[in-house]
Amino acid sequence: MSKSDPIQFLQSQKAAIDEKISEISGRCTVLRERHRDLESEKAGLMETPVTVDDFIDCVCGAIRKKKEFYPIQLVRNLKDDAYRANIIGNPSFKNVTHETLLANAAGSALAELVNPKSASLAALFYILNDLIIEGFKTALKEGLQSGKGMNTLGSNPFANGKPMKETAARLAEIDSELAQIDAEIEELTQSAGLFGVSI
């Protein structure tokens, strides 16, 4: 082996390393650009309005959800009301009547259910749930049709709405691809780090 052989070998190795680093760097550039594009698309989708039907479904679901808690609240608050009911009509408690039962229970779940003066939103959502839902649907559709409530909006907020299922499906695809890109970039940067290069 001549004296120049080691130098030639090292030079060839350096060239191979430089080529590999260039390849890694180029791939990372492509991946990062794709990552930015996906993040931009994701942000756009998050700001895209839903369809009016999807919006109605979401709001009605929330209204139905508010109905679920009231029976639990009612039972939790019955501790005092239960014994009060037992003494109605007892001569020793002449002042305790059906009326005072409700009055004494003011603020409790029982009073909220049967006494209009102290009815809470929780009770109203329970009692009038179906009416609230139908009223909301009717009011929204009337408002959109008349256009009178859109002066500050400038246009129908649902005009360019996309179905939630389509948006959700695309967001899931984007998140999956972003995770794959992040994993590949991490692998490539670790590989470059083996050669003392940061990319």
N, C-alpha and C. Protein backbone atom coordinates (compact mmCIF):
# COMPACT_ATOMS: atom_id res chain seq x y z
N MET A 1 0.86 -1.20 0.00
CA MET A 1 0.00 0.00 0.00
C MET A 1 0.89 1.24 0.00
N SER A 2 0.66 2.11 -0.92
CA SER A 2 1.45 3.34 -1.02
C SER A 2 1.03 4.30 0.07
N LYS A 3 1.87 5.34 0.26
CA LYS A 3 1.58 6.32 1.30
C LYS A 3 0.27 7.06 1.03
N SER A 4 -0.09 7.14 -0.24
CA SER A 4 -1.30 7.90 -0.58
C SER A 4 -2.58 7.10 -0.38
N ASP A 5 -2.43 5.77 -0.21
CA ASP A 5 -3.61 4.93 -0.08
C ASP A 5 -4.48 5.29 1.13
N PRO A 6 -3.93 5.49 2.33
CA PRO A 6 -4.77 5.86 3.48
C PRO A 6 -5.50 7.18 3.25
N ILE A 7 -4.79 8.12 2.63
CA ILE A 7 -5.40 9.43 2.37
C ILE A 7 -6.56 9.28 1.40
N GLN A 8 -6.30 8.49 0.34
CA GLN A 8 -7.36 8.26 -0.63
C GLN A 8 -8.56 7.55 0.01
N PHE A 9 -8.27 6.62 0.90
CA PHE A 9 -9.34 5.88 1.58
C PHE A 9 -10.18 6.83 2.44
N LEU A 10 -9.46 7.68 3.23
CA LEU A 10 -10.17 8.62 4.09
C LEU A 10 -10.99 9.62 3.28
N GLN A 11 -10.40 10.04 2.16
CA GLN A 11 -11.12 10.99 1.30
C GLN A 11 -12.39 10.36 0.72
N SER A 12 -12.26 9.07 0.34
CA SER A 12 -13.42 8.39 -0.21
C SER A 12 -14.49 8.19 0.87
N GLN A 13 -14.04 7.91 2.10
CA GLN A 13 -14.98 7.73 3.20
C GLN A 13 -15.67 9.05 3.53
N LYS A 14 -14.86 10.13 3.50
CA LYS A 14 -15.43 11.46 3.78
C LYS A 14 -16.45 11.83 2.72
N ALA A 15 -16.15 11.49 1.48
CA ALA A 15 -17.09 11.80 0.40
C ALA A 15 -18.39 11.02 0.58
N ALA A 16 -18.25 9.76 1.01
CA ALA A 16 -19.43 8.93 1.23
C ALA A 16 -20.26 9.47 2.39
N ILE A 17 -19.54 9.92 3.45
CA ILE A 17 -20.23 10.49 4.61
C ILE A 17 -20.94 11.78 4.22
N ASP A 18 -20.24 12.63 3.49
CA ASP A 18 -20.84 13.90 3.07
C ASP A 18 -22.08 13.66 2.21
N GLU A 19 -21.98 12.65 1.37
CA GLU A 19 -23.13 12.32 0.51
C GLU A 19 -24.31 11.85 1.36
N LYS A 20 -24.02 11.04 2.37
CA LYS A 20 -25.07 10.54 3.25
C LYS A 20 -25.69 11.68 4.05
N ILE A 21 -24.84 12.58 4.57
CA ILE A 21 -25.35 13.72 5.32
C ILE A 21 -26.22 14.60 4.44
N SER A 22 -25.79 14.79 3.21
CA SER A 22 -26.57 15.60 2.26
C SER A 22 -27.93 14.95 1.99
N GLU A 23 -27.91 13.64 1.88
CA GLU A 23 -29.15 12.89 1.65
C GLU A 23 -30.10 13.02 2.84
N ILE A 24 -29.52 12.88 4.04
CA ILE A 24 -30.33 13.02 5.26
C ILE A 24 -30.90 14.42 5.38
N SER A 25 -30.05 15.41 5.12
CA SER A 25 -30.47 16.80 5.22
C SER A 25 -31.58 17.12 4.22
N GLY A 26 -31.44 16.61 3.02
CA GLY A 26 -32.46 16.83 1.99
C GLY A 26 -33.79 16.20 2.38
N ARG A 27 -33.70 14.99 2.91
CA ARG A 27 -34.92 14.30 3.34
C ARG A 27 -35.59 15.06 4.48
N CYS A 28 -34.82 15.56 5.42
CA CYS A 28 -35.38 16.31 6.55
C CYS A 28 -36.04 17.60 6.06
N THR A 29 -35.45 18.22 5.07
CA THR A 29 -36.03 19.44 4.51
C THR A 29 -37.41 19.15 3.92
N VAL A 30 -37.48 18.06 3.15
CA VAL A 30 -38.76 17.66 2.54
C VAL A 30 -39.80 17.35 3.63
N LEU A 31 -39.37 16.62 4.65
CA LEU A 31 -40.29 16.24 5.72
C LEU A 31 -40.78 17.46 6.50
N ARG A 32 -39.88 18.40 6.77
CA ARG A 32 -40.27 19.58 7.53
C ARG A 32 -41.23 20.47 6.73
N GLU A 33 -41.02 20.55 5.43
CA GLU A 33 -41.94 21.31 4.59
C GLU A 33 -43.32 20.65 4.59
N ARG A 34 -43.33 19.33 4.50
CA ARG A 34 -44.59 18.60 4.55
C ARG A 34 -45.28 18.80 5.90
N HIS A 35 -44.46 18.80 6.96
CA HIS A 35 -44.98 19.01 8.31
C HIS A 35 -45.66 20.37 8.41
N ARG A 36 -45.02 21.41 7.87
CA ARG A 36 -45.60 22.75 7.90
C ARG A 36 -46.91 22.81 7.10
N ASP A 37 -46.92 22.15 5.95
CA ASP A 37 -48.13 22.13 5.13
C ASP A 37 -49.29 21.46 5.87
N LEU A 38 -48.98 20.35 6.53
CA LEU A 38 -50.02 19.63 7.26
C LEU A 38 -50.54 20.45 8.46
N GLU A 39 -49.62 21.10 9.16
CA GLU A 39 -50.03 21.93 10.29
C GLU A 39 -50.90 23.08 9.81
N SER A 40 -50.56 23.64 8.66
CA SER A 40 -51.36 24.72 8.09
C SER A 40 -52.76 24.23 7.71
N GLU A 41 -52.80 23.05 7.10
CA GLU A 41 -54.10 22.47 6.73
C GLU A 41 -54.92 22.17 7.98
N LYS A 42 -54.27 21.66 9.01
CA LYS A 42 -54.95 21.33 10.25
C LYS A 42 -55.55 22.59 10.88
N ALA A 43 -54.76 23.66 10.91
CA ALA A 43 -55.25 24.92 11.47
C ALA A 43 -56.47 25.42 10.69
N GLY A 44 -56.41 25.28 9.36
CA GLY A 44 -57.53 25.69 8.52
C GLY A 44 -58.78 24.88 8.80
N LEU A 45 -58.61 23.59 8.98
CA LEU A 45 -59.75 22.73 9.27
C LEU A 45 -60.37 23.06 10.62
N MET A 46 -59.52 23.40 11.59
CA MET A 46 -60.02 23.73 12.92
C MET A 46 -60.84 25.02 12.90
N GLU A 47 -60.62 25.86 11.90
CA GLU A 47 -61.35 27.12 11.79
C GLU A 47 -62.48 27.04 10.77
N THR A 48 -62.67 25.86 10.19
CA THR A 48 -63.74 25.69 9.21
C THR A 48 -65.07 25.46 9.93
N PRO A 49 -66.11 26.20 9.58
CA PRO A 49 -67.40 25.99 10.25
C PRO A 49 -68.00 24.63 9.93
N VAL A 50 -68.84 24.16 10.81
CA VAL A 50 -69.57 22.91 10.58
C VAL A 50 -70.84 23.23 9.80
N THR A 51 -71.54 22.20 9.39
CA THR A 51 -72.84 22.42 8.74
C THR A 51 -73.85 22.81 9.82
N VAL A 52 -74.92 23.43 9.39
CA VAL A 52 -75.95 23.84 10.36
C VAL A 52 -76.55 22.62 11.06
N ASP A 53 -76.71 21.51 10.33
CA ASP A 53 -77.28 20.31 10.94
C ASP A 53 -76.35 19.74 12.01
N ASP A 54 -75.03 19.75 11.73
CA ASP A 54 -74.07 19.27 12.71
C ASP A 54 -74.06 20.17 13.94
N PHE A 55 -74.18 21.47 13.71
CA PHE A 55 -74.20 22.42 14.82
C PHE A 55 -75.42 22.17 15.71
N ILE A 56 -76.56 21.96 15.08
CA ILE A 56 -77.78 21.67 15.83
C ILE A 56 -77.62 20.40 16.65
N ASP A 57 -77.03 19.38 16.05
CA ASP A 57 -76.82 18.12 16.77
C ASP A 57 -75.92 18.33 17.99
N CYS A 58 -74.88 19.14 17.84
CA CYS A 58 -73.96 19.39 18.96
C CYS A 58 -74.66 20.11 20.10
N VAL A 59 -75.40 21.16 19.75
CA VAL A 59 -76.08 21.94 20.79
C VAL A 59 -77.16 21.11 21.48
N CYS A 60 -77.92 20.36 20.68
CA CYS A 60 -78.97 19.53 21.27
C CYS A 60 -78.38 18.45 22.16
N GLY A 61 -77.22 17.93 21.78
CA GLY A 61 -76.54 16.96 22.63
C GLY A 61 -76.15 17.56 23.96
N ALA A 62 -75.70 18.82 23.93
CA ALA A 62 -75.33 19.51 25.17
C ALA A 62 -76.57 19.76 26.03
N ILE A 63 -77.68 20.10 25.39
CA ILE A 63 -78.93 20.34 26.13
C ILE A 63 -79.40 19.04 26.79
N ARG A 64 -79.32 17.94 26.05
CA ARG A 64 -79.72 16.64 26.63
C ARG A 64 -78.80 16.26 27.79
N LYS A 65 -77.52 16.61 27.67
CA LYS A 65 -76.56 16.29 28.72
C LYS A 65 -76.91 17.01 30.01
N LYS A 66 -77.38 18.25 29.90
CA LYS A 66 -77.74 19.01 31.09
C LYS A 66 -78.90 18.36 31.83
N LYS A 67 -79.71 17.60 31.12
CA LYS A 67 -80.85 16.93 31.73
C LYS A 67 -80.42 15.78 32.63
N GLU A 68 -79.28 15.18 32.33
CA GLU A 68 -78.86 13.96 33.02
C GLU A 68 -78.53 14.18 34.49
N PHE A 69 -78.03 15.36 34.84
CA PHE A 69 -77.55 15.57 36.20
C PHE A 69 -78.67 15.82 37.20
N TYR A 70 -79.78 16.34 36.72
CA TYR A 70 -80.82 16.77 37.66
C TYR A 70 -81.35 15.66 38.57
N PRO A 71 -81.70 14.47 38.05
CA PRO A 71 -82.18 13.41 38.96
C PRO A 71 -81.18 13.09 40.08
N ILE A 72 -79.89 13.15 39.76
CA ILE A 72 -78.87 12.89 40.79
C ILE A 72 -78.90 14.00 41.83
N GLN A 73 -78.96 15.23 41.32
CA GLN A 73 -79.01 16.39 42.22
C GLN A 73 -80.25 16.34 43.11
N LEU A 74 -81.35 15.93 42.54
CA LEU A 74 -82.62 15.86 43.28
C LEU A 74 -82.50 14.91 44.46
N VAL A 75 -82.00 13.71 44.21
CA VAL A 75 -81.89 12.70 45.27
C VAL A 75 -80.89 13.14 46.34
N ARG A 76 -79.80 13.76 45.92
CA ARG A 76 -78.80 14.21 46.89
C ARG A 76 -79.37 15.23 47.87
N ASN A 77 -80.32 16.04 47.39
CA ASN A 77 -80.84 17.13 48.21
C ASN A 77 -82.10 16.77 48.98
N LEU A 78 -82.49 15.50 48.97
CA LEU A 78 -83.75 15.12 49.60
C LEU A 78 -83.64 14.78 51.09
N LYS A 79 -82.46 14.86 51.64
CA LYS A 79 -82.27 14.46 53.04
C LYS A 79 -83.23 15.18 53.98
N ASP A 80 -83.26 16.51 53.91
CA ASP A 80 -84.14 17.27 54.80
C ASP A 80 -85.59 17.18 54.36
N ASP A 81 -85.84 17.20 53.08
CA ASP A 81 -87.21 17.18 52.59
C ASP A 81 -87.93 15.89 52.97
N ALA A 82 -87.21 14.80 53.05
CA ALA A 82 -87.82 13.51 53.35
C ALA A 82 -88.46 13.51 54.74
N TYR A 83 -87.76 14.02 55.74
CA TYR A 83 -88.35 14.00 57.08
C TYR A 83 -89.41 15.08 57.24
N ARG A 84 -89.28 16.18 56.52
CA ARG A 84 -90.32 17.21 56.58
C ARG A 84 -91.65 16.66 56.08
N ALA A 85 -91.60 15.87 55.02
CA ALA A 85 -92.83 15.30 54.47
C ALA A 85 -93.52 14.40 55.49
N ASN A 86 -92.75 13.76 56.33
CA ASN A 86 -93.29 12.82 57.31
C ASN A 86 -94.12 13.51 58.40
N ILE A 87 -93.85 14.80 58.64
CA ILE A 87 -94.55 15.47 59.75
C ILE A 87 -95.71 16.34 59.26
N ILE A 88 -95.99 16.32 57.96
CA ILE A 88 -97.13 17.09 57.47
C ILE A 88 -98.41 16.48 58.06
N GLY A 89 -99.25 17.31 58.64
CA GLY A 89 -100.51 16.84 59.23
C GLY A 89 -100.38 16.42 60.68
N ASN A 90 -99.16 16.35 61.20
CA ASN A 90 -98.96 15.98 62.60
C ASN A 90 -99.38 17.16 63.48
N PRO A 91 -100.27 16.92 64.45
CA PRO A 91 -100.76 18.02 65.31
C PRO A 91 -99.64 18.78 66.00
N SER A 92 -98.55 18.12 66.28
CA SER A 92 -97.45 18.78 66.97
C SER A 92 -96.70 19.76 66.07
N PHE A 93 -96.95 19.64 64.77
CA PHE A 93 -96.26 20.52 63.81
C PHE A 93 -97.29 21.19 62.91
N LYS A 94 -98.15 22.00 63.54
CA LYS A 94 -99.24 22.61 62.80
C LYS A 94 -98.76 23.55 61.69
N ASN A 95 -97.57 24.09 61.88
CA ASN A 95 -97.07 25.05 60.89
C ASN A 95 -96.47 24.38 59.66
N VAL A 96 -96.28 23.07 59.71
CA VAL A 96 -95.67 22.37 58.57
C VAL A 96 -96.78 21.85 57.67
N THR A 97 -96.92 22.44 56.53
CA THR A 97 -97.94 22.05 55.55
C THR A 97 -97.25 21.72 54.23
N HIS A 98 -98.05 21.35 53.26
CA HIS A 98 -97.47 21.11 51.94
C HIS A 98 -96.79 22.37 51.40
N GLU A 99 -97.37 23.52 51.72
CA GLU A 99 -96.78 24.76 51.25
C GLU A 99 -95.44 25.04 51.93
N THR A 100 -95.42 24.82 53.26
CA THR A 100 -94.16 25.11 53.97
C THR A 100 -93.08 24.10 53.62
N LEU A 101 -93.51 22.91 53.24
CA LEU A 101 -92.52 21.92 52.78
C LEU A 101 -91.72 22.50 51.63
N LEU A 102 -92.42 23.10 50.67
CA LEU A 102 -91.74 23.68 49.52
C LEU A 102 -90.98 24.94 49.92
N ALA A 103 -91.56 25.73 50.80
CA ALA A 103 -90.90 26.97 51.22
C ALA A 103 -89.61 26.67 51.96
N ASN A 104 -89.68 25.68 52.86
CA ASN A 104 -88.48 25.31 53.63
C ASN A 104 -87.42 24.67 52.75
N ALA A 105 -87.89 24.12 51.65
CA ALA A 105 -86.94 23.46 50.76
C ALA A 105 -86.38 24.41 49.72
N ALA A 106 -86.66 25.72 49.90
CA ALA A 106 -86.20 26.71 48.92
C ALA A 106 -84.70 26.55 48.67
N GLY A 107 -84.35 26.48 47.41
CA GLY A 107 -82.95 26.30 47.05
C GLY A 107 -82.55 24.86 46.87
N SER A 108 -83.41 23.95 47.34
CA SER A 108 -83.08 22.53 47.16
C SER A 108 -83.59 22.05 45.82
N ALA A 109 -83.20 20.86 45.47
CA ALA A 109 -83.62 20.31 44.18
C ALA A 109 -85.13 20.09 44.12
N LEU A 110 -85.74 19.77 45.26
CA LEU A 110 -87.19 19.55 45.29
C LEU A 110 -87.92 20.84 44.96
N ALA A 111 -87.53 21.93 45.62
CA ALA A 111 -88.17 23.21 45.36
C ALA A 111 -87.95 23.64 43.92
N GLU A 112 -86.75 23.37 43.40
CA GLU A 112 -86.44 23.75 42.02
C GLU A 112 -87.34 23.04 41.04
N LEU A 113 -87.78 21.85 41.40
CA LEU A 113 -88.60 21.06 40.49
C LEU A 113 -90.06 21.48 40.52
N VAL A 114 -90.59 21.78 41.72
CA VAL A 114 -92.04 22.00 41.83
C VAL A 114 -92.44 23.42 42.18
N ASN A 115 -91.49 24.26 42.55
CA ASN A 115 -91.82 25.63 42.93
C ASN A 115 -91.28 26.59 41.87
N PRO A 116 -92.15 27.15 41.04
CA PRO A 116 -91.69 28.03 39.96
C PRO A 116 -90.86 29.21 40.44
N LYS A 117 -91.11 29.67 41.68
CA LYS A 117 -90.38 30.83 42.17
C LYS A 117 -88.90 30.56 42.38
N SER A 118 -88.57 29.30 42.62
CA SER A 118 -87.16 28.98 42.87
C SER A 118 -86.62 27.95 41.88
N ALA A 119 -87.28 27.82 40.76
CA ALA A 119 -86.85 26.83 39.77
C ALA A 119 -85.46 27.18 39.24
N SER A 120 -84.59 26.20 39.17
CA SER A 120 -83.23 26.41 38.68
C SER A 120 -83.15 26.03 37.21
N LEU A 121 -82.05 26.42 36.58
CA LEU A 121 -81.84 26.03 35.19
C LEU A 121 -81.77 24.52 35.06
N ALA A 122 -81.17 23.86 36.06
CA ALA A 122 -81.06 22.40 36.01
C ALA A 122 -82.44 21.77 35.95
N ALA A 123 -83.35 22.29 36.78
CA ALA A 123 -84.71 21.75 36.80
C ALA A 123 -85.43 22.04 35.49
N LEU A 124 -85.26 23.25 35.00
CA LEU A 124 -85.93 23.63 33.76
C LEU A 124 -85.43 22.80 32.58
N PHE A 125 -84.13 22.56 32.54
CA PHE A 125 -83.59 21.73 31.45
C PHE A 125 -84.11 20.30 31.55
N TYR A 126 -84.41 19.86 32.78
CA TYR A 126 -84.96 18.51 32.94
C TYR A 126 -86.42 18.46 32.52
N ILE A 127 -87.20 19.40 33.03
CA ILE A 127 -88.64 19.39 32.76
C ILE A 127 -88.96 19.74 31.31
N LEU A 128 -88.26 20.74 30.80
CA LEU A 128 -88.60 21.28 29.48
C LEU A 128 -87.59 20.90 28.41
N ASN A 129 -86.86 19.82 28.61
CA ASN A 129 -85.76 19.48 27.72
C ASN A 129 -86.19 19.42 26.25
N ASP A 130 -87.24 18.67 25.97
CA ASP A 130 -87.68 18.52 24.57
C ASP A 130 -88.15 19.86 24.00
N LEU A 131 -88.83 20.65 24.81
CA LEU A 131 -89.30 21.95 24.35
C LEU A 131 -88.13 22.89 24.07
N ILE A 132 -87.11 22.86 24.93
CA ILE A 132 -85.93 23.70 24.73
C ILE A 132 -85.23 23.31 23.43
N ILE A 133 -85.11 22.02 23.19
CA ILE A 133 -84.45 21.55 21.97
C ILE A 133 -85.22 21.99 20.73
N GLU A 134 -86.52 21.77 20.74
CA GLU A 134 -87.32 22.16 19.58
C GLU A 134 -87.34 23.68 19.41
N GLY A 135 -87.38 24.39 20.52
CA GLY A 135 -87.36 25.85 20.45
C GLY A 135 -86.06 26.36 19.87
N PHE A 136 -84.96 25.75 20.28
CA PHE A 136 -83.65 26.14 19.75
C PHE A 136 -83.58 25.90 18.24
N LYS A 137 -84.01 24.72 17.81
CA LYS A 137 -83.97 24.39 16.39
C LYS A 137 -84.79 25.40 15.57
N THR A 138 -85.99 25.67 16.05
CA THR A 138 -86.89 26.58 15.33
C THR A 138 -86.30 27.99 15.27
N ALA A 139 -85.80 28.46 16.41
CA ALA A 139 -85.25 29.82 16.47
C ALA A 139 -84.04 29.97 15.56
N LEU A 140 -83.16 28.97 15.55
CA LEU A 140 -81.96 29.06 14.72
C LEU A 140 -82.33 29.08 13.24
N LYS A 141 -83.21 28.19 12.84
CA LYS A 141 -83.59 28.13 11.42
C LYS A 141 -84.32 29.40 10.99
N GLU A 142 -85.18 29.92 11.87
CA GLU A 142 -85.88 31.17 11.56
C GLU A 142 -84.88 32.32 11.41
N GLY A 143 -83.92 32.36 12.31
CA GLY A 143 -82.92 33.43 12.27
C GLY A 143 -82.08 33.38 11.02
N LEU A 144 -81.69 32.17 10.61
CA LEU A 144 -80.88 32.01 9.40
C LEU A 144 -81.68 32.36 8.15
N GLN A 145 -82.93 31.97 8.15
CA GLN A 145 -83.77 32.24 6.98
C GLN A 145 -84.06 33.73 6.84
N SER A 146 -84.30 34.40 7.96
CA SER A 146 -84.62 35.83 7.89
C SER A 146 -83.39 36.67 7.61
N GLY A 147 -82.25 36.22 8.10
CA GLY A 147 -81.01 36.95 7.89
C GLY A 147 -80.87 38.18 8.77
N LYS A 148 -81.86 38.45 9.61
CA LYS A 148 -81.86 39.67 10.40
C LYS A 148 -80.79 39.67 11.49
N GLY A 149 -80.39 38.49 11.92
CA GLY A 149 -79.40 38.43 12.99
C GLY A 149 -77.97 38.39 12.50
N MET A 150 -77.78 38.57 11.19
CA MET A 150 -76.44 38.41 10.62
C MET A 150 -75.75 39.74 10.32
N ASN A 151 -76.31 40.83 10.78
CA ASN A 151 -75.71 42.13 10.49
C ASN A 151 -74.26 42.21 10.97
N THR A 152 -74.01 41.70 12.18
CA THR A 152 -72.65 41.75 12.72
C THR A 152 -71.77 40.65 12.16
N LEU A 153 -72.38 39.57 11.66
CA LEU A 153 -71.60 38.45 11.12
C LEU A 153 -71.20 38.70 9.67
N GLY A 154 -72.02 39.41 8.95
CA GLY A 154 -71.72 39.68 7.55
C GLY A 154 -72.26 38.64 6.60
N SER A 155 -72.39 37.41 7.07
CA SER A 155 -72.93 36.34 6.22
C SER A 155 -73.35 35.17 7.09
N ASN A 156 -73.97 34.21 6.44
CA ASN A 156 -74.37 32.99 7.14
C ASN A 156 -73.13 32.26 7.66
N PRO A 157 -72.99 32.07 8.97
CA PRO A 157 -71.78 31.42 9.51
C PRO A 157 -71.62 29.97 9.07
N PHE A 158 -72.69 29.37 8.56
CA PHE A 158 -72.62 27.97 8.14
C PHE A 158 -72.53 27.83 6.62
N ALA A 159 -72.38 28.97 5.92
CA ALA A 159 -72.40 28.95 4.45
C ALA A 159 -71.36 28.01 3.86
N ASN A 160 -70.17 27.99 4.43
CA ASN A 160 -69.09 27.13 3.92
C ASN A 160 -68.81 25.97 4.86
N GLY A 161 -69.83 25.56 5.58
CA GLY A 161 -69.65 24.48 6.55
C GLY A 161 -69.34 23.14 5.92
N LYS A 162 -68.51 22.38 6.63
CA LYS A 162 -68.16 21.02 6.20
C LYS A 162 -68.69 20.03 7.24
N PRO A 163 -69.15 18.88 6.77
CA PRO A 163 -69.63 17.87 7.73
C PRO A 163 -68.55 17.50 8.74
N MET A 164 -68.93 17.40 9.99
CA MET A 164 -67.98 17.11 11.06
C MET A 164 -67.26 15.78 10.85
N LYS A 165 -67.97 14.80 10.30
CA LYS A 165 -67.35 13.49 10.08
C LYS A 165 -66.19 13.59 9.10
N GLU A 166 -66.38 14.38 8.04
CA GLU A 166 -65.31 14.54 7.05
C GLU A 166 -64.11 15.26 7.67
N THR A 167 -64.40 16.32 8.42
CA THR A 167 -63.32 17.06 9.05
C THR A 167 -62.57 16.20 10.06
N ALA A 168 -63.32 15.46 10.87
CA ALA A 168 -62.71 14.60 11.88
C ALA A 168 -61.84 13.52 11.24
N ALA A 169 -62.32 12.96 10.14
CA ALA A 169 -61.56 11.92 9.45
C ALA A 169 -60.26 12.49 8.90
N ARG A 170 -60.33 13.67 8.30
CA ARG A 170 -59.12 14.29 7.74
C ARG A 170 -58.15 14.68 8.84
N LEU A 171 -58.66 15.20 9.95
CA LEU A 171 -57.79 15.56 11.07
C LEU A 171 -57.06 14.33 11.62
N ALA A 172 -57.75 13.21 11.65
CA ALA A 172 -57.13 11.96 12.13
C ALA A 172 -56.01 11.54 11.18
N GLU A 173 -56.25 11.68 9.87
CA GLU A 173 -55.22 11.35 8.88
C GLU A 173 -54.00 12.26 9.04
N ILE A 174 -54.26 13.55 9.24
CA ILE A 174 -53.17 14.51 9.39
C ILE A 174 -52.35 14.19 10.64
N ASP A 175 -53.02 13.94 11.75
CA ASP A 175 -52.31 13.64 13.00
C ASP A 175 -51.46 12.37 12.86
N SER A 176 -51.99 11.40 12.14
CA SER A 176 -51.25 10.16 11.93
C SER A 176 -49.99 10.42 11.11
N GLU A 177 -50.14 11.20 10.03
CA GLU A 177 -48.98 11.50 9.17
C GLU A 177 -47.97 12.37 9.91
N LEU A 178 -48.45 13.32 10.71
CA LEU A 178 -47.54 14.16 11.48
C LEU A 178 -46.70 13.32 12.45
N ALA A 179 -47.34 12.35 13.06
CA ALA A 179 -46.62 11.47 14.00
C ALA A 179 -45.54 10.67 13.27
N GLN A 180 -45.86 10.19 12.07
CA GLN A 180 -44.89 9.45 11.28
C GLN A 180 -43.72 10.33 10.86
N ILE A 181 -44.04 11.57 10.48
CA ILE A 181 -42.99 12.52 10.08
C ILE A 181 -42.08 12.83 11.25
N ASP A 182 -42.67 13.09 12.40
CA ASP A 182 -41.87 13.39 13.59
C ASP A 182 -40.93 12.24 13.94
N ALA A 183 -41.45 11.02 13.81
CA ALA A 183 -40.63 9.84 14.13
C ALA A 183 -39.48 9.71 13.14
N GLU A 184 -39.75 9.96 11.86
CA GLU A 184 -38.69 9.83 10.85
C GLU A 184 -37.65 10.92 11.00
N ILE A 185 -38.09 12.16 11.28
CA ILE A 185 -37.13 13.25 11.49
C ILE A 185 -36.24 12.95 12.69
N GLU A 186 -36.82 12.42 13.74
CA GLU A 186 -36.05 12.07 14.94
C GLU A 186 -34.99 11.01 14.60
N GLU A 187 -35.39 10.04 13.81
CA GLU A 187 -34.45 8.98 13.42
C GLU A 187 -33.32 9.54 12.56
N LEU A 188 -33.67 10.43 11.63
CA LEU A 188 -32.67 11.01 10.74
C LEU A 188 -31.70 11.93 11.49
N THR A 189 -32.22 12.72 12.42
CA THR A 189 -31.34 13.61 13.18
C THR A 189 -30.39 12.82 14.08
N GLN A 190 -30.87 11.69 14.59
CA GLN A 190 -29.99 10.82 15.39
C GLN A 190 -28.90 10.23 14.52
N SER A 191 -29.25 9.84 13.30
CA SER A 191 -28.26 9.28 12.37
C SER A 191 -27.21 10.32 12.03
N ALA A 192 -27.66 11.55 11.77
CA ALA A 192 -26.70 12.62 11.46
C ALA A 192 -25.82 12.93 12.67
N GLY A 193 -26.38 12.80 13.85
CA GLY A 193 -25.64 13.05 15.07
C GLY A 193 -24.48 12.08 15.26
N LEU A 194 -24.59 10.89 14.71
CA LEU A 194 -23.51 9.91 14.79
C LEU A 194 -22.27 10.40 14.07
N PHE A 195 -22.48 11.30 13.09
CA PHE A 195 -21.35 11.87 12.35
C PHE A 195 -20.98 13.26 12.87
N GLY A 196 -21.59 13.61 14.02
CA GLY A 196 -21.29 14.91 14.62
C GLY A 196 -21.93 16.07 13.90
N VAL A 197 -23.01 15.76 13.17
CA VAL A 197 -23.67 16.81 12.40
C VAL A 197 -25.07 17.04 12.94
N SER A 198 -25.42 18.34 13.08
CA SER A 198 -26.77 18.69 13.52
C SER A 198 -27.55 19.23 12.34
N ILE A 199 -28.75 18.65 12.11
CA ILE A 199 -29.55 19.09 10.94
C ILE A 199 -30.95 19.50 11.40
